């Protein structure tokens, strides 16, 4: 066993890839299951705030794009549950843990989408933050997770452009439309900053995850990248980031900014956000309503297996 663990560490040190049948520490496996499951849960819960607007889009073109995006998110969840299953866990077990409140999803999806501009803000800010978070995961030390993220990130880049285009259209429309875009930015800016997790000094898992090559950058580094990327885009839109402390530092080449209220993050994670109960109740109901589909699929698979066995 010691030799196997030495092989694991040698692979990590060489920036290689750990595959499902390779030896790995139990802590590494559990960390991956927790992170991949949370990521998968976030994708399927994240369908809700946008799915809420499919029937209310301002045009048929917008409807088609939004439907494609929500469908992409469902696919992302499936890729990620499949990656988690390579670690020896069943997706049904993961869903049971989610429904029981024993596994988490991204706090950002516990905020309501009040206007059409919110759909633009989710694409621009939330998916933009996801890209910053997830592109480094394409180099994650666990092979199945890294490979799943390649396709996910390509599709997220489409989602980010779609959101920016919605806001660009609003910002070049009437004063009321531009005000709607500004309002969306005002409400989604701080939750988007919190997507990167708590400050490095308070982060429970980051240091070990970086040592194992699961993560490549700390929470604070990723948050800074997001701010540096997003503020110039807000300038292009002609709307203002709601941070009086925002300044560009010529010496560092980065924006200095006010840290979000992480007390709010902890409260939302605990289940006390604006939409926590609604999101989870909707997910549980959808799962229960779909039980007959799973049962029918299992019965069909069983019959096909019996046919093959009889033929053999």
C-alpha atoms as a PDB file:
ATOM      1  CA  UNK A   1       0.000   0.000   0.000  1.00  0.00           C
ATOM      2  CA  UNK A   2       2.851   2.375   0.779  1.00  0.00           C
ATOM      3  CA  UNK A   3       4.276   1.791  -2.704  1.00  0.00           C
ATOM      4  CA  UNK A   4       0.874   2.539  -4.237  1.00  0.00           C
ATOM      5  CA  UNK A   5       0.604   5.797  -2.300  1.00  0.00           C
ATOM      6  CA  UNK A   6       4.119   6.681  -3.418  1.00  0.00           C
ATOM      7  CA  UNK A   7       2.957   6.136  -7.001  1.00  0.00           C
ATOM      8  CA  UNK A   8      -0.030   8.434  -6.382  1.00  0.00           C
ATOM      9  CA  UNK A   9       2.180  11.188  -5.001  1.00  0.00           C
ATOM     10  CA  UNK A  10       4.672  10.785  -7.833  1.00  0.00           C
ATOM     11  CA  UNK A  11       1.860  11.273 -10.350  1.00  0.00           C
ATOM     12  CA  UNK A  12       0.654  14.387  -8.514  1.00  0.00           C
ATOM     13  CA  UNK A  13       4.203  15.772  -8.312  1.00  0.00           C
ATOM     14  CA  UNK A  14       4.670  15.194 -12.057  1.00  0.00           C
ATOM     15  CA  UNK A  15       1.391  17.039 -12.796  1.00  0.00           C
ATOM     16  CA  UNK A  16      -0.038  13.814 -14.184  1.00  0.00           C
ATOM     17  CA  UNK A  17      -3.571  12.395 -14.114  1.00  0.00           C
ATOM     18  CA  UNK A  18      -5.057  10.018 -11.595  1.00  0.00           C
ATOM     19  CA  UNK A  19      -7.487   7.567 -13.225  1.00  0.00           C
ATOM     20  CA  UNK A  20     -10.337   5.624 -11.562  1.00  0.00           C
ATOM     21  CA  UNK A  21      -8.422   2.366 -11.101  1.00  0.00           C
ATOM     22  CA  UNK A  22      -5.304   4.054  -9.743  1.00  0.00           C
ATOM     23  CA  UNK A  23      -4.511   3.946  -6.039  1.00  0.00           C
ATOM     24  CA  UNK A  24      -5.546   7.133  -4.251  1.00  0.00           C
ATOM     25  CA  UNK A  25      -5.847   8.270  -0.626  1.00  0.00           C
ATOM     26  CA  UNK A  26      -9.349   8.008   0.796  1.00  0.00           C
ATOM     27  CA  UNK A  27      -9.256  11.718   1.581  1.00  0.00           C
ATOM     28  CA  UNK A  28      -8.562  12.486  -2.081  1.00  0.00           C
ATOM     29  CA  UNK A  29     -11.491  10.321  -3.176  1.00  0.00           C
ATOM     30  CA  UNK A  30     -13.880  11.874  -0.652  1.00  0.00           C
ATOM     31  CA  UNK A  31     -12.802  15.406  -1.556  1.00  0.00           C
ATOM     32  CA  UNK A  32     -13.462  14.719  -5.226  1.00  0.00           C
ATOM     33  CA  UNK A  33     -16.866  13.183  -4.521  1.00  0.00           C
ATOM     34  CA  UNK A  34     -17.851  16.209  -2.419  1.00  0.00           C
ATOM     35  CA  UNK A  35     -16.650  18.728  -5.017  1.00  0.00           C
ATOM     36  CA  UNK A  36     -17.959  16.945  -8.124  1.00  0.00           C
ATOM     37  CA  UNK A  37     -21.313  16.226  -6.475  1.00  0.00           C
ATOM     38  CA  UNK A  38     -21.702  19.858  -5.416  1.00  0.00           C
ATOM     39  CA  UNK A  39     -20.843  20.910  -8.960  1.00  0.00           C
ATOM     40  CA  UNK A  40     -23.364  18.469 -10.471  1.00  0.00           C
ATOM     41  CA  UNK A  41     -26.081  19.513  -8.023  1.00  0.00           C
ATOM     42  CA  UNK A  42     -25.422  23.165  -8.900  1.00  0.00           C
ATOM     43  CA  UNK A  43     -25.978  22.472 -12.582  1.00  0.00           C
ATOM     44  CA  UNK A  44     -29.378  20.848 -12.129  1.00  0.00           C
ATOM     45  CA  UNK A  45     -30.591  23.270  -9.443  1.00  0.00           C
ATOM     46  CA  UNK A  46     -29.287  26.093 -11.637  1.00  0.00           C
ATOM     47  CA  UNK A  47     -31.835  25.161 -14.298  1.00  0.00           C
ATOM     48  CA  UNK A  48     -34.626  26.526 -12.100  1.00  0.00           C
ATOM     49  CA  UNK A  49     -34.060  30.299 -11.979  1.00  0.00           C
ATOM     50  CA  UNK A  50     -33.647  30.448 -15.763  1.00  0.00           C
ATOM     51  CA  UNK A  51     -36.274  27.839 -16.601  1.00  0.00           C
ATOM     52  CA  UNK A  52     -38.683  30.146 -14.802  1.00  0.00           C
ATOM     53  CA  UNK A  53     -38.303  32.603 -17.725  1.00  0.00           C
ATOM     54  CA  UNK A  54     -38.648  30.252 -20.714  1.00  0.00           C
ATOM     55  CA  UNK A  55     -42.369  31.016 -21.065  1.00  0.00           C
ATOM     56  CA  UNK A  56     -41.781  34.770 -20.653  1.00  0.00           C
ATOM     57  CA  UNK A  57     -38.889  35.543 -22.991  1.00  0.00           C
ATOM     58  CA  UNK A  58     -39.329  38.715 -25.074  1.00  0.00           C
ATOM     59  CA  UNK A  59     -38.955  36.902 -28.420  1.00  0.00           C
ATOM     60  CA  UNK A  60     -38.952  33.461 -30.028  1.00  0.00           C
ATOM     61  CA  UNK A  61     -35.196  33.790 -30.642  1.00  0.00           C
ATOM     62  CA  UNK A  62     -34.585  34.433 -26.944  1.00  0.00           C
ATOM     63  CA  UNK A  63     -36.782  31.450 -26.067  1.00  0.00           C
ATOM     64  CA  UNK A  64     -34.812  29.093 -28.303  1.00  0.00           C
ATOM     65  CA  UNK A  65     -31.491  30.292 -26.872  1.00  0.00           C
ATOM     66  CA  UNK A  66     -32.656  30.034 -23.269  1.00  0.00           C
ATOM     67  CA  UNK A  67     -34.077  26.549 -23.805  1.00  0.00           C
ATOM     68  CA  UNK A  68     -30.752  25.453 -25.300  1.00  0.00           C
ATOM     69  CA  UNK A  69     -28.909  26.894 -22.332  1.00  0.00           C
ATOM     70  CA  UNK A  70     -31.087  25.169 -19.729  1.00  0.00           C
ATOM     71  CA  UNK A  71     -30.684  21.930 -21.678  1.00  0.00           C
ATOM     72  CA  UNK A  72     -26.899  22.402 -21.591  1.00  0.00           C
ATOM     73  CA  UNK A  73     -27.028  22.717 -17.808  1.00  0.00           C
ATOM     74  CA  UNK A  74     -28.896  19.419 -17.533  1.00  0.00           C
ATOM     75  CA  UNK A  75     -26.187  17.840 -19.670  1.00  0.00           C
ATOM     76  CA  UNK A  76     -23.459  19.281 -17.476  1.00  0.00           C
ATOM     77  CA  UNK A  77     -25.086  17.672 -14.466  1.00  0.00           C
ATOM     78  CA  UNK A  78     -25.102  14.291 -16.232  1.00  0.00           C
ATOM     79  CA  UNK A  79     -21.411  14.562 -17.218  1.00  0.00           C
ATOM     80  CA  UNK A  80     -20.499  15.376 -13.641  1.00  0.00           C
ATOM     81  CA  UNK A  81     -22.596  12.664 -12.000  1.00  0.00           C
ATOM     82  CA  UNK A  82     -20.944  10.217 -14.405  1.00  0.00           C
ATOM     83  CA  UNK A  83     -17.512  11.503 -13.344  1.00  0.00           C
ATOM     84  CA  UNK A  84     -18.460  11.084  -9.672  1.00  0.00           C
ATOM     85  CA  UNK A  85     -19.573   7.500 -10.317  1.00  0.00           C
ATOM     86  CA  UNK A  86     -16.045   6.599 -11.442  1.00  0.00           C
ATOM     87  CA  UNK A  87     -15.083   7.119  -7.790  1.00  0.00           C
ATOM     88  CA  UNK A  88     -17.376   4.317  -6.655  1.00  0.00           C
ATOM     89  CA  UNK A  89     -20.437   6.310  -5.634  1.00  0.00           C
ATOM     90  CA  UNK A  90     -23.907   5.964  -7.154  1.00  0.00           C
ATOM     91  CA  UNK A  91     -25.679   9.053  -8.510  1.00  0.00           C
ATOM     92  CA  UNK A  92     -28.923   7.962  -6.830  1.00  0.00           C
ATOM     93  CA  UNK A  93     -27.083   8.132  -3.512  1.00  0.00           C
ATOM     94  CA  UNK A  94     -25.799  11.609  -4.351  1.00  0.00           C
ATOM     95  CA  UNK A  95     -29.295  12.800  -5.245  1.00  0.00           C
ATOM     96  CA  UNK A  96     -30.666  11.373  -2.003  1.00  0.00           C
ATOM     97  CA  UNK A  97     -28.017  13.344  -0.088  1.00  0.00           C
ATOM     98  CA  UNK A  98     -28.931  16.517  -1.993  1.00  0.00           C
ATOM     99  CA  UNK A  99     -32.648  16.070  -1.336  1.00  0.00           C
ATOM    100  CA  UNK A 100     -31.979  15.451   2.353  1.00  0.00           C
ATOM    101  CA  UNK A 101     -29.928  18.649   2.571  1.00  0.00           C
ATOM    102  CA  UNK A 102     -26.740  16.714   3.348  1.00  0.00           C
ATOM    103  CA  UNK A 103     -24.909  17.875   0.223  1.00  0.00           C
ATOM    104  CA  UNK A 104     -24.769  21.445  -1.041  1.00  0.00           C
ATOM    105  CA  UNK A 105     -25.049  23.294  -4.329  1.00  0.00           C
ATOM    106  CA  UNK A 106     -23.799  26.752  -5.288  1.00  0.00           C
ATOM    107  CA  UNK A 107     -25.278  29.491  -3.118  1.00  0.00           C
ATOM    108  CA  UNK A 108     -25.852  31.707  -6.185  1.00  0.00           C
ATOM    109  CA  UNK A 109     -28.916  29.709  -7.229  1.00  0.00           C
ATOM    110  CA  UNK A 110     -30.788  30.666  -4.082  1.00  0.00           C
ATOM    111  CA  UNK A 111     -31.463  34.176  -5.391  1.00  0.00           C
ATOM    112  CA  UNK A 112     -34.626  35.030  -7.365  1.00  0.00           C
ATOM    113  CA  UNK A 113     -34.787  36.097 -11.012  1.00  0.00           C
ATOM    114  CA  UNK A 114     -37.074  39.128 -10.808  1.00  0.00           C
ATOM    115  CA  UNK A 115     -36.739  40.579 -14.320  1.00  0.00           C
ATOM    116  CA  UNK A 116     -35.586  39.554 -17.798  1.00  0.00           C
ATOM    117  CA  UNK A 117     -32.344  41.448 -17.125  1.00  0.00           C
ATOM    118  CA  UNK A 118     -31.588  38.897 -14.398  1.00  0.00           C
ATOM    119  CA  UNK A 119     -31.265  36.226 -17.092  1.00  0.00           C
ATOM    120  CA  UNK A 120     -28.630  38.397 -18.737  1.00  0.00           C
ATOM    121  CA  UNK A 121     -26.888  38.936 -15.394  1.00  0.00           C
ATOM    122  CA  UNK A 122     -26.798  35.202 -14.719  1.00  0.00           C
ATOM    123  CA  UNK A 123     -25.202  34.536 -18.088  1.00  0.00           C
ATOM    124  CA  UNK A 124     -22.715  37.386 -17.835  1.00  0.00           C
ATOM    125  CA  UNK A 125     -21.824  37.260 -14.140  1.00  0.00           C
ATOM    126  CA  UNK A 126     -22.709  33.792 -12.864  1.00  0.00           C
ATOM    127  CA  UNK A 127     -21.528  31.870 -15.911  1.00  0.00           C
ATOM    128  CA  UNK A 128     -18.597  34.272 -16.190  1.00  0.00           C
ATOM    129  CA  UNK A 129     -17.606  33.384 -12.624  1.00  0.00           C
ATOM    130  CA  UNK A 130     -18.121  29.710 -13.449  1.00  0.00           C
ATOM    131  CA  UNK A 131     -15.692  30.010 -16.364  1.00  0.00           C
ATOM    132  CA  UNK A 132     -13.051  31.584 -14.112  1.00  0.00           C
ATOM    133  CA  UNK A 133     -13.601  28.779 -11.599  1.00  0.00           C
ATOM    134  CA  UNK A 134     -13.814  25.917 -14.032  1.00  0.00           C
ATOM    135  CA  UNK A 135     -11.237  26.514 -16.769  1.00  0.00           C
ATOM    136  CA  UNK A 136      -8.437  25.588 -14.326  1.00  0.00           C
ATOM    137  CA  UNK A 137     -10.386  22.394 -13.536  1.00  0.00           C
ATOM    138  CA  UNK A 138      -9.625  21.229 -17.077  1.00  0.00           C
ATOM    139  CA  UNK A 139      -6.159  20.564 -15.603  1.00  0.00           C
ATOM    140  CA  UNK A 140      -7.520  18.873 -12.462  1.00  0.00           C
ATOM    141  CA  UNK A 141      -5.422  15.921 -11.332  1.00  0.00           C
ATOM    142  CA  UNK A 142      -8.396  13.551 -11.584  1.00  0.00           C
ATOM    143  CA  UNK A 143      -8.761  12.543 -15.230  1.00  0.00           C
ATOM    144  CA  UNK A 144     -12.544  11.991 -15.561  1.00  0.00           C
ATOM    145  CA  UNK A 145     -13.321  15.333 -13.902  1.00  0.00           C
ATOM    146  CA  UNK A 146     -10.771  17.203 -16.015  1.00  0.00           C
ATOM    147  CA  UNK A 147     -12.095  15.702 -19.257  1.00  0.00           C
ATOM    148  CA  UNK A 148     -15.711  16.468 -18.368  1.00  0.00           C
ATOM    149  CA  UNK A 149     -14.777  20.086 -17.728  1.00  0.00           C
ATOM    150  CA  UNK A 150     -13.395  20.618 -21.238  1.00  0.00           C
ATOM    151  CA  UNK A 151     -16.848  20.362 -22.812  1.00  0.00           C
ATOM    152  CA  UNK A 152     -18.562  22.108 -19.892  1.00  0.00           C
ATOM    153  CA  UNK A 153     -16.282  25.138 -20.225  1.00  0.00           C
ATOM    154  CA  UNK A 154     -16.843  25.393 -23.976  1.00  0.00           C
ATOM    155  CA  UNK A 155     -20.585  25.539 -23.413  1.00  0.00           C
ATOM    156  CA  UNK A 156     -20.263  27.947 -20.475  1.00  0.00           C
ATOM    157  CA  UNK A 157     -18.445  30.390 -22.735  1.00  0.00           C
ATOM    158  CA  UNK A 158     -21.527  30.427 -24.981  1.00  0.00           C
ATOM    159  CA  UNK A 159     -23.708  31.039 -21.924  1.00  0.00           C
ATOM    160  CA  UNK A 160     -21.555  33.968 -20.826  1.00  0.00           C
ATOM    161  CA  UNK A 161     -21.725  35.595 -24.253  1.00  0.00           C
ATOM    162  CA  UNK A 162     -25.493  35.060 -24.369  1.00  0.00           C
ATOM    163  CA  UNK A 163     -25.919  36.867 -21.043  1.00  0.00           C
ATOM    164  CA  UNK A 164     -23.682  39.739 -22.051  1.00  0.00           C
ATOM    165  CA  UNK A 165     -25.605  40.124 -25.316  1.00  0.00           C
ATOM    166  CA  UNK A 166     -28.921  40.360 -23.430  1.00  0.00           C
ATOM    167  CA  UNK A 167     -27.573  43.138 -21.224  1.00  0.00           C
ATOM    168  CA  UNK A 168     -25.893  44.883 -24.169  1.00  0.00           C
ATOM    169  CA  UNK A 169     -29.251  45.012 -25.935  1.00  0.00           C
ATOM    170  CA  UNK A 170     -30.975  46.386 -22.834  1.00  0.00           C
ATOM    171  CA  UNK A 171     -28.243  48.957 -22.219  1.00  0.00           C
ATOM    172  CA  UNK A 172     -28.635  50.233 -25.778  1.00  0.00           C
ATOM    173  CA  UNK A 173     -32.421  50.378 -25.512  1.00  0.00           C
ATOM    174  CA  UNK A 174     -34.656  52.717 -23.565  1.00  0.00           C
ATOM    175  CA  UNK A 175     -33.718  54.382 -20.292  1.00  0.00           C
ATOM    176  CA  UNK A 176     -36.062  51.987 -18.505  1.00  0.00           C
ATOM    177  CA  UNK A 177     -34.299  48.996 -20.088  1.00  0.00           C
ATOM    178  CA  UNK A 178     -30.883  50.301 -19.120  1.00  0.00           C
ATOM    179  CA  UNK A 179     -32.129  50.902 -15.580  1.00  0.00           C
ATOM    180  CA  UNK A 180     -33.327  47.295 -15.513  1.00  0.00           C
ATOM    181  CA  UNK A 181     -29.822  46.132 -16.485  1.00  0.00           C
ATOM    182  CA  UNK A 182     -28.258  48.303 -13.783  1.00  0.00           C
ATOM    183  CA  UNK A 183     -30.662  46.936 -11.191  1.00  0.00           C
ATOM    184  CA  UNK A 184     -29.747  43.375 -12.154  1.00  0.00           C
ATOM    185  CA  UNK A 185     -26.034  44.157 -11.816  1.00  0.00           C
ATOM    186  CA  UNK A 186     -26.654  45.781  -8.424  1.00  0.00           C
ATOM    187  CA  UNK A 187     -28.372  42.643  -7.108  1.00  0.00           C
ATOM    188  CA  UNK A 188     -26.146  39.961  -8.665  1.00  0.00           C
ATOM    189  CA  UNK A 189     -22.684  41.498  -8.209  1.00  0.00           C
ATOM    190  CA  UNK A 190     -22.122  40.554  -4.583  1.00  0.00           C
ATOM    191  CA  UNK A 191     -23.578  37.020  -4.792  1.00  0.00           C
ATOM    192  CA  UNK A 192     -21.362  36.465  -7.861  1.00  0.00           C
ATOM    193  CA  UNK A 193     -18.258  37.441  -5.888  1.00  0.00           C
ATOM    194  CA  UNK A 194     -19.281  34.942  -3.213  1.00  0.00           C
ATOM    195  CA  UNK A 195     -19.366  32.122  -5.770  1.00  0.00           C
ATOM    196  CA  UNK A 196     -15.611  31.687  -5.307  1.00  0.00           C
ATOM    197  CA  UNK A 197     -16.090  30.652  -1.701  1.00  0.00           C
ATOM    198  CA  UNK A 198     -14.854  32.173   1.544  1.00  0.00           C
ATOM    199  CA  UNK A 199     -11.553  34.074   1.853  1.00  0.00           C
ATOM    200  CA  UNK A 200      -8.467  31.893   1.690  1.00  0.00           C
ATOM    201  CA  UNK A 201      -7.853  32.324   5.421  1.00  0.00           C
ATOM    202  CA  UNK A 202     -11.275  30.827   6.164  1.00  0.00           C
ATOM    203  CA  UNK A 203     -11.393  28.161   3.463  1.00  0.00           C
ATOM    204  CA  UNK A 204     -11.525  24.643   4.897  1.00  0.00           C
ATOM    205  CA  UNK A 205     -10.616  22.621   1.817  1.00  0.00           C
ATOM    206  CA  UNK A 206      -8.612  24.840  -0.530  1.00  0.00           C
ATOM    207  CA  UNK A 207      -5.085  24.196   0.746  1.00  0.00           C
ATOM    208  CA  UNK A 208      -5.349  20.398   0.579  1.00  0.00           C
ATOM    209  CA  UNK A 209      -7.219  20.495  -2.750  1.00  0.00           C
ATOM    210  CA  UNK A 210      -4.420  22.602  -4.239  1.00  0.00           C
ATOM    211  CA  UNK A 211      -1.770  20.255  -2.837  1.00  0.00           C
ATOM    212  CA  UNK A 212      -3.520  17.367  -4.580  1.00  0.00           C
ATOM    213  CA  UNK A 213      -3.869  19.276  -7.844  1.00  0.00           C
ATOM    214  CA  UNK A 214      -7.677  19.239  -7.705  1.00  0.00           C
ATOM    215  CA  UNK A 215      -7.707  23.029  -7.547  1.00  0.00           C
ATOM    216  CA  UNK A 216      -5.087  25.170  -9.278  1.00  0.00           C
ATOM    217  CA  UNK A 217      -5.783  28.573  -7.738  1.00  0.00           C
ATOM    218  CA  UNK A 218      -7.045  29.844  -4.411  1.00  0.00           C
ATOM    219  CA  UNK A 219     -10.487  31.382  -3.871  1.00  0.00           C
ATOM    220  CA  UNK A 220      -9.080  34.891  -3.564  1.00  0.00           C
ATOM    221  CA  UNK A 221      -6.958  34.536  -6.724  1.00  0.00           C
ATOM    222  CA  UNK A 222      -9.998  33.443  -8.714  1.00  0.00           C
ATOM    223  CA  UNK A 223     -12.131  36.240  -7.272  1.00  0.00           C
ATOM    224  CA  UNK A 224      -9.505  38.783  -8.345  1.00  0.00           C
ATOM    225  CA  UNK A 225      -9.426  37.330 -11.868  1.00  0.00           C
ATOM    226  CA  UNK A 226     -13.189  37.656 -12.098  1.00  0.00           C
ATOM    227  CA  UNK A 227     -13.182  41.302 -11.013  1.00  0.00           C
ATOM    228  CA  UNK A 228     -10.354  42.163 -13.423  1.00  0.00           C
ATOM    229  CA  UNK A 229     -12.260  40.506 -16.270  1.00  0.00           C
ATOM    230  CA  UNK A 230     -15.719  41.846 -15.493  1.00  0.00           C
ATOM    231  CA  UNK A 231     -15.225  45.520 -14.603  1.00  0.00           C
ATOM    232  CA  UNK A 232     -14.060  46.516 -18.128  1.00  0.00           C
ATOM    233  CA  UNK A 233     -17.068  44.649 -19.543  1.00  0.00           C
ATOM    234  CA  UNK A 234     -19.380  46.698 -17.304  1.00  0.00           C
ATOM    235  CA  UNK A 235     -17.705  49.819 -18.710  1.00  0.00           C
ATOM    236  CA  UNK A 236     -18.531  48.634 -22.238  1.00  0.00           C
ATOM    237  CA  UNK A 237     -22.158  48.141 -21.210  1.00  0.00           C
ATOM    238  CA  UNK A 238     -22.238  51.578 -19.648  1.00  0.00           C
ATOM    239  CA  UNK A 239     -23.433  50.393 -16.245  1.00  0.00           C
ATOM    240  CA  UNK A 240     -21.691  50.773 -12.905  1.00  0.00           C
ATOM    241  CA  UNK A 241     -20.398  48.043 -10.625  1.00  0.00           C
ATOM    242  CA  UNK A 242     -22.039  48.759  -7.225  1.00  0.00           C
ATOM    243  CA  UNK A 243     -18.797  49.122  -5.269  1.00  0.00           C
ATOM    244  CA  UNK A 244     -17.665  52.551  -4.070  1.00  0.00           C
ATOM    245  CA  UNK A 245     -14.314  51.020  -3.142  1.00  0.00           C
ATOM    246  CA  UNK A 246     -13.536  49.816  -6.657  1.00  0.00           C
ATOM    247  CA  UNK A 247     -10.237  51.261  -7.948  1.00  0.00           C
ATOM    248  CA  UNK A 248      -7.740  50.313 -10.625  1.00  0.00           C
ATOM    249  CA  UNK A 249      -4.236  49.978  -9.208  1.00  0.00           C
ATOM    250  CA  UNK A 250      -1.657  51.000 -11.828  1.00  0.00           C
ATOM    251  CA  UNK A 251       1.184  49.388  -9.886  1.00  0.00           C
ATOM    252  CA  UNK A 252      -0.369  45.931  -9.576  1.00  0.00           C
ATOM    253  CA  UNK A 253      -2.421  46.002 -12.770  1.00  0.00           C
ATOM    254  CA  UNK A 254      -5.440  44.774 -10.809  1.00  0.00           C
ATOM    255  CA  UNK A 255      -8.634  46.288  -9.479  1.00  0.00           C
ATOM    256  CA  UNK A 256      -8.898  46.724  -5.737  1.00  0.00           C
ATOM    257  CA  UNK A 257     -12.454  46.075  -4.550  1.00  0.00           C
ATOM    258  CA  UNK A 258     -14.607  45.726  -1.473  1.00  0.00           C
ATOM    259  CA  UNK A 259     -14.902  42.186  -0.190  1.00  0.00           C
ATOM    260  CA  UNK A 260     -18.457  40.818  -0.119  1.00  0.00           C
ATOM    261  CA  UNK A 261     -20.311  40.177   3.133  1.00  0.00           C
ATOM    262  CA  UNK A 262     -19.376  36.565   3.741  1.00  0.00           C
ATOM    263  CA  UNK A 263     -21.842  36.415   6.627  1.00  0.00           C
ATOM    264  CA  UNK A 264     -24.529  36.355   3.949  1.00  0.00           C
ATOM    265  CA  UNK A 265     -22.728  33.529   2.150  1.00  0.00           C
ATOM    266  CA  UNK A 266     -22.661  31.398   5.289  1.00  0.00           C
ATOM    267  CA  UNK A 267     -26.361  32.062   5.927  1.00  0.00           C
ATOM    268  CA  UNK A 268     -27.338  31.081   2.376  1.00  0.00           C
ATOM    269  CA  UNK A 269     -25.199  27.924   2.583  1.00  0.00           C
ATOM    270  CA  UNK A 270     -26.975  27.033   5.835  1.00  0.00           C
ATOM    271  CA  UNK A 271     -30.290  27.183   4.010  1.00  0.00           C
ATOM    272  CA  UNK A 272     -31.408  30.677   4.939  1.00  0.00           C
ATOM    273  CA  UNK A 273     -31.224  32.326   1.507  1.00  0.00           C
ATOM    274  CA  UNK A 274     -34.179  33.877  -0.337  1.00  0.00           C
ATOM    275  CA  UNK A 275     -35.007  30.735  -2.351  1.00  0.00           C
ATOM    276  CA  UNK A 276     -33.344  27.772  -0.583  1.00  0.00           C
ATOM    277  CA  UNK A 277     -36.567  26.044   0.427  1.00  0.00           C
ATOM    278  CA  UNK A 278     -38.228  26.714  -2.921  1.00  0.00           C
ATOM    279  CA  UNK A 279     -35.284  25.396  -4.970  1.00  0.00           C
ATOM    280  CA  UNK A 280     -34.927  22.171  -2.994  1.00  0.00           C
ATOM    281  CA  UNK A 281     -38.675  21.505  -2.808  1.00  0.00           C
ATOM    282  CA  UNK A 282     -38.946  21.937  -6.585  1.00  0.00           C
ATOM    283  CA  UNK A 283     -36.030  19.550  -7.134  1.00  0.00           C
ATOM    284  CA  UNK A 284     -37.483  16.894  -4.808  1.00  0.00           C
ATOM    285  CA  UNK A 285     -40.911  17.116  -6.479  1.00  0.00           C
ATOM    286  CA  UNK A 286     -39.381  16.812  -9.960  1.00  0.00           C
ATOM    287  CA  UNK A 287     -37.423  13.750  -8.808  1.00  0.00           C
ATOM    288  CA  UNK A 288     -40.513  12.115  -7.315  1.00  0.00           C
ATOM    289  CA  UNK A 289     -42.643  12.922 -10.374  1.00  0.00           C
ATOM    290  CA  UNK A 290     -40.023  11.261 -12.571  1.00  0.00           C
ATOM    291  CA  UNK A 291     -39.916   8.015 -10.585  1.00  0.00           C
ATOM    292  CA  UNK A 292     -42.094   6.201 -13.156  1.00  0.00           C
ATOM    293  CA  UNK A 293     -39.621   7.035 -15.932  1.00  0.00           C
ATOM    294  CA  UNK A 294     -36.726   5.545 -13.973  1.00  0.00           C
ATOM    295  CA  UNK A 295     -38.792   2.466 -13.122  1.00  0.00           C
ATOM    296  CA  UNK A 296     -39.843   1.993 -16.758  1.00  0.00           C
ATOM    297  CA  UNK A 297     -36.254   2.366 -17.957  1.00  0.00           C
ATOM    298  CA  UNK A 298     -35.055  -0.189 -15.403  1.00  0.00           C
ATOM    299  CA  UNK A 299     -37.812  -2.635 -16.402  1.00  0.00           C
ATOM    300  CA  UNK A 300     -36.954  -2.241 -20.095  1.00  0.00           C
ATOM    301  CA  UNK A 301     -33.254  -2.775 -19.396  1.00  0.00           C
ATOM    302  CA  UNK A 302     -34.124  -5.892 -17.411  1.00  0.00           C
ATOM    303  CA  UNK A 303     -36.181  -7.331 -20.277  1.00  0.00           C
ATOM    304  CA  UNK A 304     -33.399  -6.614 -22.770  1.00  0.00           C
ATOM    305  CA  UNK A 305     -30.913  -8.371 -20.509  1.00  0.00           C
ATOM    306  CA  UNK A 306     -33.222 -11.407 -20.252  1.00  0.00           C
ATOM    307  CA  UNK A 307     -33.551 -11.542 -24.058  1.00  0.00           C
ATOM    308  CA  UNK A 308     -29.773 -11.485 -24.463  1.00  0.00           C
ATOM    309  CA  UNK A 309     -29.353 -14.179 -21.830  1.00  0.00           C
ATOM    310  CA  UNK A 310     -31.982 -16.377 -23.513  1.00  0.00           C
ATOM    311  CA  UNK A 311     -30.374 -15.903 -26.917  1.00  0.00           C
ATOM    312  CA  UNK A 312     -26.992 -16.888 -25.520  1.00  0.00           C
END
